[in-house]
PDB file of N, CA and C in Angstrom:
ATOM      1  N   MET A   1     -12.824 -63.072  25.148  1.00  0.00           N
ATOM      2  CA  MET A   1     -12.302 -62.705  23.766  1.00  0.00           C
ATOM      3  C   MET A   1     -11.560 -61.616  24.599  1.00  0.00           C
ATOM      4  N   LEU A   2     -10.129 -61.454  23.665  1.00  0.00           N
ATOM      5  CA  LEU A   2      -9.263 -60.203  23.813  1.00  0.00           C
ATOM      6  C   LEU A   2      -9.507 -59.589  22.696  1.00  0.00           C
ATOM      7  N   THR A   3      -9.334 -58.219  22.408  1.00  0.00           N
ATOM      8  CA  THR A   3      -9.235 -57.777  21.435  1.00  0.00           C
ATOM      9  C   THR A   3      -8.144 -56.623  21.321  1.00  0.00           C
ATOM     10  N   ALA A   4      -7.613 -56.855  19.965  1.00  0.00           N
ATOM     11  CA  ALA A   4      -6.251 -55.511  20.179  1.00  0.00           C
ATOM     12  C   ALA A   4      -6.222 -54.832  19.177  1.00  0.00           C
ATOM     13  N   ILE A   5      -6.038 -53.528  18.749  1.00  0.00           N
ATOM     14  CA  ILE A   5      -6.146 -52.582  17.556  1.00  0.00           C
ATOM     15  C   ILE A   5      -4.627 -52.243  17.402  1.00  0.00           C
ATOM     16  N   VAL A   6      -3.973 -52.597  15.972  1.00  0.00           N
ATOM     17  CA  VAL A   6      -2.587 -52.875  16.023  1.00  0.00           C
ATOM     18  C   VAL A   6      -2.504 -51.545  14.819  1.00  0.00           C
ATOM     19  N   LEU A   7      -1.898 -50.604  14.975  1.00  0.00           N
ATOM     20  CA  LEU A   7      -1.456 -49.777  13.937  1.00  0.00           C
ATOM     21  C   LEU A   7      -0.372 -49.854  13.347  1.00  0.00           C
ATOM     22  N   ILE A   8      -0.060 -50.185  12.201  1.00  0.00           N
ATOM     23  CA  ILE A   8       1.071 -50.548  11.235  1.00  0.00           C
ATOM     24  C   ILE A   8       1.456 -49.717  10.279  1.00  0.00           C
ATOM     25  N   LYS A   9       2.875 -49.175  10.295  1.00  0.00           N
ATOM     26  CA  LYS A   9       3.663 -48.756   9.345  1.00  0.00           C
ATOM     27  C   LYS A   9       4.311 -49.681   8.281  1.00  0.00           C
ATOM     28  N   THR A  10       4.230 -49.309   7.247  1.00  0.00           N
ATOM     29  CA  THR A  10       4.816 -50.296   6.394  1.00  0.00           C
ATOM     30  C   THR A  10       5.712 -49.507   5.140  1.00  0.00           C
ATOM     31  N   THR A  11       6.337 -50.164   4.444  1.00  0.00           N
ATOM     32  CA  THR A  11       7.278 -49.498   3.285  1.00  0.00           C
ATOM     33  C   THR A  11       5.947 -49.373   2.242  1.00  0.00           C
ATOM     34  N   THR A  12       5.788 -48.243   1.772  1.00  0.00           N
ATOM     35  CA  THR A  12       4.752 -47.823   1.128  1.00  0.00           C
ATOM     36  C   THR A  12       4.756 -48.695  -0.419  1.00  0.00           C
ATOM     37  N   ASP A  13       5.746 -49.223  -0.840  1.00  0.00           N
ATOM     38  CA  ASP A  13       5.615 -49.991  -1.950  1.00  0.00           C
ATOM     39  C   ASP A  13       5.042 -51.255  -1.862  1.00  0.00           C
ATOM     40  N   ARG A  14       4.776 -51.851  -0.667  1.00  0.00           N
ATOM     41  CA  ARG A  14       4.273 -53.087  -0.099  1.00  0.00           C
ATOM     42  C   ARG A  14       2.714 -53.362   0.618  1.00  0.00           C
ATOM     43  N   ILE A  15       2.409 -52.149   0.734  1.00  0.00           N
ATOM     44  CA  ILE A  15       0.946 -51.803   1.388  1.00  0.00           C
ATOM     45  C   ILE A  15      -0.049 -52.966   1.024  1.00  0.00           C
ATOM     46  N   PRO A  16      -0.287 -53.406  -0.262  1.00  0.00           N
ATOM     47  CA  PRO A  16      -1.564 -54.152  -0.377  1.00  0.00           C
ATOM     48  C   PRO A  16      -0.819 -55.807   0.029  1.00  0.00           C
ATOM     49  N   GLU A  17       0.252 -56.009  -0.400  1.00  0.00           N
ATOM     50  CA  GLU A  17       1.046 -57.216  -0.109  1.00  0.00           C
ATOM     51  C   GLU A  17       0.975 -57.519   1.321  1.00  0.00           C
ATOM     52  N   VAL A  18       1.299 -56.490   2.171  1.00  0.00           N
ATOM     53  CA  VAL A  18       1.581 -56.558   3.721  1.00  0.00           C
ATOM     54  C   VAL A  18       0.060 -56.744   4.231  1.00  0.00           C
ATOM     55  N   ALA A  19      -0.975 -56.117   3.562  1.00  0.00           N
ATOM     56  CA  ALA A  19      -1.923 -56.263   4.229  1.00  0.00           C
ATOM     57  C   ALA A  19      -2.436 -57.558   3.967  1.00  0.00           C
ATOM     58  N   GLN A  20      -2.398 -58.293   2.939  1.00  0.00           N
ATOM     59  CA  GLN A  20      -3.151 -59.394   2.399  1.00  0.00           C
ATOM     60  C   GLN A  20      -2.351 -60.525   3.464  1.00  0.00           C
ATOM     61  N   GLU A  21      -0.720 -60.363   3.676  1.00  0.00           N
ATOM     62  CA  GLU A  21      -0.164 -61.456   4.248  1.00  0.00           C
ATOM     63  C   GLU A  21      -0.432 -61.350   5.846  1.00  0.00           C
ATOM     64  N   ILE A  22      -0.723 -60.126   6.343  1.00  0.00           N
ATOM     65  CA  ILE A  22      -1.377 -60.101   7.612  1.00  0.00           C
ATOM     66  C   ILE A  22      -2.854 -60.644   8.036  1.00  0.00           C
ATOM     67  N   ALA A  23      -3.468 -60.142   6.890  1.00  0.00           N
ATOM     68  CA  ALA A  23      -4.961 -60.721   7.012  1.00  0.00           C
ATOM     69  C   ALA A  23      -5.026 -62.167   7.203  1.00  0.00           C
ATOM     70  N   ALA A  24      -3.815 -62.969   6.526  1.00  0.00           N
ATOM     71  CA  ALA A  24      -4.019 -64.532   6.611  1.00  0.00           C
ATOM     72  C   ALA A  24      -3.565 -64.858   7.592  1.00  0.00           C
ATOM     73  N   ILE A  25      -3.119 -64.244   9.025  1.00  0.00           N
ATOM     74  CA  ILE A  25      -2.541 -64.647  10.002  1.00  0.00           C
ATOM     75  C   ILE A  25      -3.822 -65.214  10.829  1.00  0.00           C
ATOM     76  N   PRO A  26      -3.796 -66.412  11.592  1.00  0.00           N
ATOM     77  CA  PRO A  26      -4.936 -66.778  12.222  1.00  0.00           C
ATOM     78  C   PRO A  26      -4.650 -66.011  13.882  1.00  0.00           C
ATOM     79  N   GLY A  27      -5.953 -65.236  14.114  1.00  0.00           N
ATOM     80  CA  GLY A  27      -6.106 -64.342  14.988  1.00  0.00           C
ATOM     81  C   GLY A  27      -6.375 -63.081  14.680  1.00  0.00           C
ATOM     82  N   ILE A  28      -6.084 -62.731  13.415  1.00  0.00           N
ATOM     83  CA  ILE A  28      -6.396 -61.502  12.899  1.00  0.00           C
ATOM     84  C   ILE A  28      -7.660 -61.500  11.960  1.00  0.00           C
ATOM     85  N   SER A  29      -8.463 -60.678  12.478  1.00  0.00           N
ATOM     86  CA  SER A  29     -10.025 -60.796  12.411  1.00  0.00           C
ATOM     87  C   SER A  29     -10.452 -59.942  10.833  1.00  0.00           C
ATOM     88  N   GLU A  30      -9.537 -58.660  10.851  1.00  0.00           N
ATOM     89  CA  GLU A  30      -9.775 -57.712   9.850  1.00  0.00           C
ATOM     90  C   GLU A  30      -8.625 -56.652   9.632  1.00  0.00           C
ATOM     91  N   VAL A  31      -8.298 -56.349   8.293  1.00  0.00           N
ATOM     92  CA  VAL A  31      -7.170 -55.432   8.326  1.00  0.00           C
ATOM     93  C   VAL A  31      -7.549 -54.083   7.501  1.00  0.00           C
ATOM     94  N   TYR A  32      -7.334 -53.083   7.634  1.00  0.00           N
ATOM     95  CA  TYR A  32      -7.910 -51.638   6.837  1.00  0.00           C
ATOM     96  C   TYR A  32      -6.900 -50.907   6.170  1.00  0.00           C
ATOM     97  N   SER A  33      -6.715 -50.726   5.165  1.00  0.00           N
ATOM     98  CA  SER A  33      -5.910 -49.523   4.896  1.00  0.00           C
ATOM     99  C   SER A  33      -6.217 -48.247   5.334  1.00  0.00           C
ATOM    100  N   VAL A  34      -5.500 -47.145   5.733  1.00  0.00           N
ATOM    101  CA  VAL A  34      -6.030 -45.996   6.274  1.00  0.00           C
ATOM    102  C   VAL A  34      -5.029 -44.855   6.193  1.00  0.00           C
ATOM    103  N   THR A  35      -5.551 -43.702   6.307  1.00  0.00           N
ATOM    104  CA  THR A  35      -4.889 -42.401   6.357  1.00  0.00           C
ATOM    105  C   THR A  35      -4.199 -42.142   7.561  1.00  0.00           C
ATOM    106  N   GLY A  36      -3.334 -41.274   7.800  1.00  0.00           N
ATOM    107  CA  GLY A  36      -2.650 -40.674   8.744  1.00  0.00           C
ATOM    108  C   GLY A  36      -1.217 -41.449   8.886  1.00  0.00           C
ATOM    109  N   ASP A  37      -0.948 -41.314  10.099  1.00  0.00           N
ATOM    110  CA  ASP A  37       0.579 -41.887  10.365  1.00  0.00           C
ATOM    111  C   ASP A  37       0.822 -43.204  10.426  1.00  0.00           C
ATOM    112  N   SER A  38      -0.323 -43.943  10.179  1.00  0.00           N
ATOM    113  CA  SER A  38      -0.062 -45.521   9.830  1.00  0.00           C
ATOM    114  C   SER A  38      -0.803 -45.671   8.398  1.00  0.00           C
ATOM    115  N   ASN A  39      -0.429 -46.951   8.109  1.00  0.00           N
ATOM    116  CA  ASN A  39      -0.555 -47.450   6.922  1.00  0.00           C
ATOM    117  C   ASN A  39      -1.814 -48.401   6.714  1.00  0.00           C
ATOM    118  N   LEU A  40      -1.975 -49.085   7.835  1.00  0.00           N
ATOM    119  CA  LEU A  40      -2.951 -50.217   8.111  1.00  0.00           C
ATOM    120  C   LEU A  40      -3.085 -50.380   9.589  1.00  0.00           C
ATOM    121  N   VAL A  41      -4.464 -50.824   9.692  1.00  0.00           N
ATOM    122  CA  VAL A  41      -4.965 -51.034  11.139  1.00  0.00           C
ATOM    123  C   VAL A  41      -5.372 -52.500  10.959  1.00  0.00           C
ATOM    124  N   ALA A  42      -5.141 -53.238  12.319  1.00  0.00           N
ATOM    125  CA  ALA A  42      -5.528 -54.639  11.852  1.00  0.00           C
ATOM    126  C   ALA A  42      -6.134 -54.904  13.212  1.00  0.00           C
ATOM    127  N   LEU A  43      -7.307 -55.932  13.508  1.00  0.00           N
ATOM    128  CA  LEU A  43      -7.753 -55.997  14.630  1.00  0.00           C
ATOM    129  C   LEU A  43      -7.552 -57.507  14.850  1.00  0.00           C
ATOM    130  N   VAL A  44      -6.962 -57.610  15.734  1.00  0.00           N
ATOM    131  CA  VAL A  44      -6.791 -59.001  16.655  1.00  0.00           C
ATOM    132  C   VAL A  44      -7.843 -59.642  17.566  1.00  0.00           C
ATOM    133  N   ARG A  45      -8.263 -60.652  17.556  1.00  0.00           N
ATOM    134  CA  ARG A  45      -9.273 -61.023  18.381  1.00  0.00           C
ATOM    135  C   ARG A  45      -8.616 -62.598  18.772  1.00  0.00           C
ATOM    136  N   VAL A  46      -8.219 -62.646  20.333  1.00  0.00           N
ATOM    137  CA  VAL A  46      -7.655 -63.994  20.611  1.00  0.00           C
ATOM    138  C   VAL A  46      -8.698 -64.589  21.717  1.00  0.00           C
ATOM    139  N   ARG A  47      -7.960 -65.441  22.415  1.00  0.00           N
ATOM    140  CA  ARG A  47      -8.758 -66.183  23.558  1.00  0.00           C
ATOM    141  C   ARG A  47      -8.007 -65.700  24.879  1.00  0.00           C
ATOM    142  N   GLU A  48      -6.790 -66.042  24.599  1.00  0.00           N
ATOM    143  CA  GLU A  48      -5.992 -65.730  25.619  1.00  0.00           C
ATOM    144  C   GLU A  48      -4.766 -64.685  25.472  1.00  0.00           C
ATOM    145  N   HIS A  49      -4.620 -64.232  26.468  1.00  0.00           N
ATOM    146  CA  HIS A  49      -3.706 -63.021  26.443  1.00  0.00           C
ATOM    147  C   HIS A  49      -2.217 -63.229  26.191  1.00  0.00           C
ATOM    148  N   ASP A  50      -1.833 -64.717  26.207  1.00  0.00           N
ATOM    149  CA  ASP A  50      -0.337 -65.166  25.768  1.00  0.00           C
ATOM    150  C   ASP A  50      -0.597 -65.496  23.914  1.00  0.00           C
ATOM    151  N   GLU A  51      -1.781 -65.247  23.669  1.00  0.00           N
ATOM    152  CA  GLU A  51      -1.902 -65.525  21.950  1.00  0.00           C
ATOM    153  C   GLU A  51      -1.538 -63.949  21.323  1.00  0.00           C
ATOM    154  N   LEU A  52      -1.403 -63.052  22.256  1.00  0.00           N
ATOM    155  CA  LEU A  52      -1.539 -61.605  21.518  1.00  0.00           C
ATOM    156  C   LEU A  52       0.058 -61.619  21.276  1.00  0.00           C
ATOM    157  N   ALA A  53       0.942 -61.787  21.901  1.00  0.00           N
ATOM    158  CA  ALA A  53       2.587 -62.120  21.571  1.00  0.00           C
ATOM    159  C   ALA A  53       2.493 -62.878  20.195  1.00  0.00           C
ATOM    160  N   ASP A  54       1.933 -64.007  20.314  1.00  0.00           N
ATOM    161  CA  ASP A  54       2.022 -65.057  19.073  1.00  0.00           C
ATOM    162  C   ASP A  54       1.598 -64.425  17.730  1.00  0.00           C
ATOM    163  N   VAL A  55       0.740 -63.581  17.899  1.00  0.00           N
ATOM    164  CA  VAL A  55       0.268 -63.082  16.644  1.00  0.00           C
ATOM    165  C   VAL A  55       0.911 -61.834  16.355  1.00  0.00           C
ATOM    166  N   ILE A  56       0.807 -60.916  17.274  1.00  0.00           N
ATOM    167  CA  ILE A  56       1.530 -59.535  17.031  1.00  0.00           C
ATOM    168  C   ILE A  56       2.898 -59.646  16.889  1.00  0.00           C
ATOM    169  N   ALA A  57       3.802 -60.064  18.115  1.00  0.00           N
ATOM    170  CA  ALA A  57       5.236 -59.779  17.858  1.00  0.00           C
ATOM    171  C   ALA A  57       5.863 -60.893  16.872  1.00  0.00           C
ATOM    172  N   ASP A  58       5.406 -62.489  17.049  1.00  0.00           N
ATOM    173  CA  ASP A  58       6.151 -63.459  16.441  1.00  0.00           C
ATOM    174  C   ASP A  58       5.747 -63.577  14.956  1.00  0.00           C
ATOM    175  N   ARG A  59       4.319 -62.936  14.723  1.00  0.00           N
ATOM    176  CA  ARG A  59       3.826 -63.136  13.360  1.00  0.00           C
ATOM    177  C   ARG A  59       3.714 -61.919  12.491  1.00  0.00           C
ATOM    178  N   LEU A  60       2.896 -61.093  13.138  1.00  0.00           N
ATOM    179  CA  LEU A  60       2.414 -59.686  12.373  1.00  0.00           C
ATOM    180  C   LEU A  60       3.839 -58.878  12.195  1.00  0.00           C
ATOM    181  N   ALA A  61       4.510 -58.529  13.606  1.00  0.00           N
ATOM    182  CA  ALA A  61       5.806 -57.866  13.296  1.00  0.00           C
ATOM    183  C   ALA A  61       6.731 -58.170  12.471  1.00  0.00           C
ATOM    184  N   LYS A  62       6.941 -59.396  12.034  1.00  0.00           N
ATOM    185  CA  LYS A  62       7.890 -59.963  11.437  1.00  0.00           C
ATOM    186  C   LYS A  62       7.517 -60.013   9.705  1.00  0.00           C
ATOM    187  N   VAL A  63       6.222 -59.786   9.345  1.00  0.00           N
ATOM    188  CA  VAL A  63       6.062 -59.480   7.748  1.00  0.00           C
ATOM    189  C   VAL A  63       6.810 -58.741   7.241  1.00  0.00           C
ATOM    190  N   ALA A  64       7.443 -59.150   5.918  1.00  0.00           N
ATOM    191  CA  ALA A  64       8.241 -58.521   4.972  1.00  0.00           C
ATOM    192  C   ALA A  64       7.421 -56.954   4.591  1.00  0.00           C
ATOM    193  N   GLY A  65       8.088 -55.899   4.931  1.00  0.00           N
ATOM    194  CA  GLY A  65       7.261 -54.327   4.736  1.00  0.00           C
ATOM    195  C   GLY A  65       6.864 -53.779   5.927  1.00  0.00           C
ATOM    196  N   VAL A  66       6.752 -54.548   7.339  1.00  0.00           N
ATOM    197  CA  VAL A  66       6.210 -53.826   8.349  1.00  0.00           C
ATOM    198  C   VAL A  66       7.365 -53.186   9.082  1.00  0.00           C
ATOM    199  N   VAL A  67       7.245 -51.851   8.992  1.00  0.00           N
ATOM    200  CA  VAL A  67       8.315 -50.899   9.708  1.00  0.00           C
ATOM    201  C   VAL A  67       8.084 -51.046  11.170  1.00  0.00           C
ATOM    202  N   GLU A  68       6.859 -50.775  11.490  1.00  0.00           N
ATOM    203  CA  GLU A  68       6.770 -50.093  13.190  1.00  0.00           C
ATOM    204  C   GLU A  68       5.149 -50.790  13.283  1.00  0.00           C
ATOM    205  N   THR A  69       4.922 -51.146  14.409  1.00  0.00           N
ATOM    206  CA  THR A  69       3.517 -51.272  15.133  1.00  0.00           C
ATOM    207  C   THR A  69       3.515 -50.800  16.160  1.00  0.00           C
ATOM    208  N   ASN A  70       2.373 -50.366  16.587  1.00  0.00           N
ATOM    209  CA  ASN A  70       1.446 -49.738  17.928  1.00  0.00           C
ATOM    210  C   ASN A  70       0.317 -50.337  18.576  1.00  0.00           C
ATOM    211  N   THR A  71       0.494 -51.080  19.432  1.00  0.00           N
ATOM    212  CA  THR A  71      -0.764 -51.867  19.618  1.00  0.00           C
ATOM    213  C   THR A  71      -1.361 -51.438  20.940  1.00  0.00           C
ATOM    214  N   LYS A  72      -2.843 -51.376  20.553  1.00  0.00           N
ATOM    215  CA  LYS A  72      -3.655 -50.616  21.684  1.00  0.00           C
ATOM    216  C   LYS A  72      -4.847 -51.959  21.871  1.00  0.00           C
ATOM    217  N   ILE A  73      -4.435 -52.549  23.364  1.00  0.00           N
ATOM    218  CA  ILE A  73      -5.342 -53.561  23.937  1.00  0.00           C
ATOM    219  C   ILE A  73      -6.741 -53.222  24.579  1.00  0.00           C
ATOM    220  N   THR A  74      -7.643 -53.328  23.896  1.00  0.00           N
ATOM    221  CA  THR A  74      -8.835 -52.942  24.394  1.00  0.00           C
ATOM    222  C   THR A  74      -9.243 -53.342  25.685  1.00  0.00           C
ATOM    223  N   PHE A  75      -9.891 -52.770  26.642  1.00  0.00           N
ATOM    224  CA  PHE A  75     -10.420 -53.147  27.924  1.00  0.00           C
ATOM    225  C   PHE A  75     -11.945 -53.600  27.858  1.00  0.00           C
ATOM    226  N   ARG A  76     -12.643 -52.432  27.158  1.00  0.00           N
ATOM    227  CA  ARG A  76     -14.175 -53.102  27.100  1.00  0.00           C
ATOM    228  C   ARG A  76     -15.063 -52.554  25.813  1.00  0.00           C
ATOM    229  N   ALA A  77     -15.625 -53.148  25.350  1.00  0.00           N
ATOM    230  CA  ALA A  77     -16.321 -52.853  24.349  1.00  0.00           C
ATOM    231  C   ALA A  77     -17.734 -52.113  24.583  1.00  0.00           C
ATOM    232  N   TYR A  78     -18.062 -51.006  24.101  1.00  0.00           N
ATOM    233  CA  TYR A  78     -19.097 -49.973  24.651  1.00  0.00           C
ATOM    234  C   TYR A  78     -20.384 -50.145  23.621  1.00  0.00           C
ATOM    235  N   SER A  79     -20.332 -50.339  22.319  1.00  0.00           N
ATOM    236  CA  SER A  79     -21.089 -50.823  21.351  1.00  0.00           C
ATOM    237  C   SER A  79     -20.994 -51.765  20.556  1.00  0.00           C
ATOM    238  N   ARG A  80     -21.477 -52.305  19.799  1.00  0.00           N
ATOM    239  CA  ARG A  80     -21.823 -53.300  18.744  1.00  0.00           C
ATOM    240  C   ARG A  80     -22.285 -53.035  17.836  1.00  0.00           C
ATOM    241  N   HIS A  81     -21.625 -52.965  16.359  1.00  0.00           N
ATOM    242  CA  HIS A  81     -22.296 -52.976  15.102  1.00  0.00           C
ATOM    243  C   HIS A  81     -22.600 -54.066  14.477  1.00  0.00           C
ATOM    244  N   ASP A  82     -23.447 -54.293  13.505  1.00  0.00           N
ATOM    245  CA  ASP A  82     -24.107 -55.001  12.818  1.00  0.00           C
ATOM    246  C   ASP A  82     -23.235 -54.723  11.389  1.00  0.00           C
ATOM    247  N   LEU A  83     -22.079 -54.942  11.029  1.00  0.00           N
ATOM    248  CA  LEU A  83     -21.552 -54.626  10.009  1.00  0.00           C
ATOM    249  C   LEU A  83     -21.941 -55.044   8.704  1.00  0.00           C
ATOM    250  N   ASP A  84     -22.492 -56.281   8.625  1.00  0.00           N
ATOM    251  CA  ASP A  84     -22.946 -57.150   7.546  1.00  0.00           C
ATOM    252  C   ASP A  84     -24.243 -55.776   7.065  1.00  0.00           C
ATOM    253  N   ALA A  85     -25.286 -55.916   8.247  1.00  0.00           N
ATOM    254  CA  ALA A  85     -26.438 -54.592   7.899  1.00  0.00           C
ATOM    255  C   ALA A  85     -25.961 -53.497   7.449  1.00  0.00           C
ATOM    256  N   ALA A  86     -25.014 -52.750   7.871  1.00  0.00           N
ATOM    257  CA  ALA A  86     -24.370 -51.539   7.641  1.00  0.00           C
ATOM    258  C   ALA A  86     -23.875 -51.325   6.070  1.00  0.00           C
ATOM    259  N   PHE A  87     -23.188 -52.665   5.851  1.00  0.00           N
ATOM    260  CA  PHE A  87     -22.825 -52.389   4.284  1.00  0.00           C
ATOM    261  C   PHE A  87     -23.708 -52.942   3.424  1.00  0.00           C
ATOM    262  N   ALA A  88     -24.731 -53.387   3.800  1.00  0.00           N
ATOM    263  CA  ALA A  88     -25.916 -53.730   3.102  1.00  0.00           C
ATOM    264  C   ALA A  88     -26.838 -52.787   2.517  1.00  0.00           C
ATOM    265  N   ILE A  89     -26.968 -51.659   3.135  1.00  0.00           N
ATOM    266  CA  ILE A  89     -27.630 -50.655   3.067  1.00  0.00           C
ATOM    267  C   ILE A  89     -27.945 -50.358   1.688  1.00  0.00           C
ATOM    268  N   GLY A  90     -29.153 -50.537   1.449  1.00  0.00           N
ATOM    269  CA  GLY A  90     -29.543 -49.989  -0.282  1.00  0.00           C
ATOM    270  C   GLY A  90     -29.348 -51.248  -1.065  1.00  0.00           C
ATOM    271  N   LEU A  91     -28.943 -52.523  -0.572  1.00  0.00           N
ATOM    272  CA  LEU A  91     -28.483 -53.447  -1.667  1.00  0.00           C
ATOM    273  C   LEU A  91     -29.992 -54.894  -1.400  1.00  0.00           C
ATOM    274  N   ASP A  92     -30.173 -55.436  -2.416  1.00  0.00           N
ATOM    275  CA  ASP A  92     -31.185 -56.282  -2.005  1.00  0.00           C
ATOM    276  C   ASP A  92     -30.710 -57.531  -2.162  1.00  0.00           C
TER     277      ASP A  92
END
């Protein structure tokens, strides 16, 4: 499995719509709104290297409102978190 982290700058008036459209793209596992130089961060998880271009260049970058992308391709995972357990803290 290949993972890429995509930092995304958008037009400010379309952040929620852009996030929803990106989240619907096959190969995108998560989309977060963030502070800082980027408006959104998307996690891309695909099986083959060629799929990165399909997801990022051919689909994500062409969503209306996307101004700029900056892609980080990961090499190795050093820790794994159980996100469901982390978000369920204090909930029954």
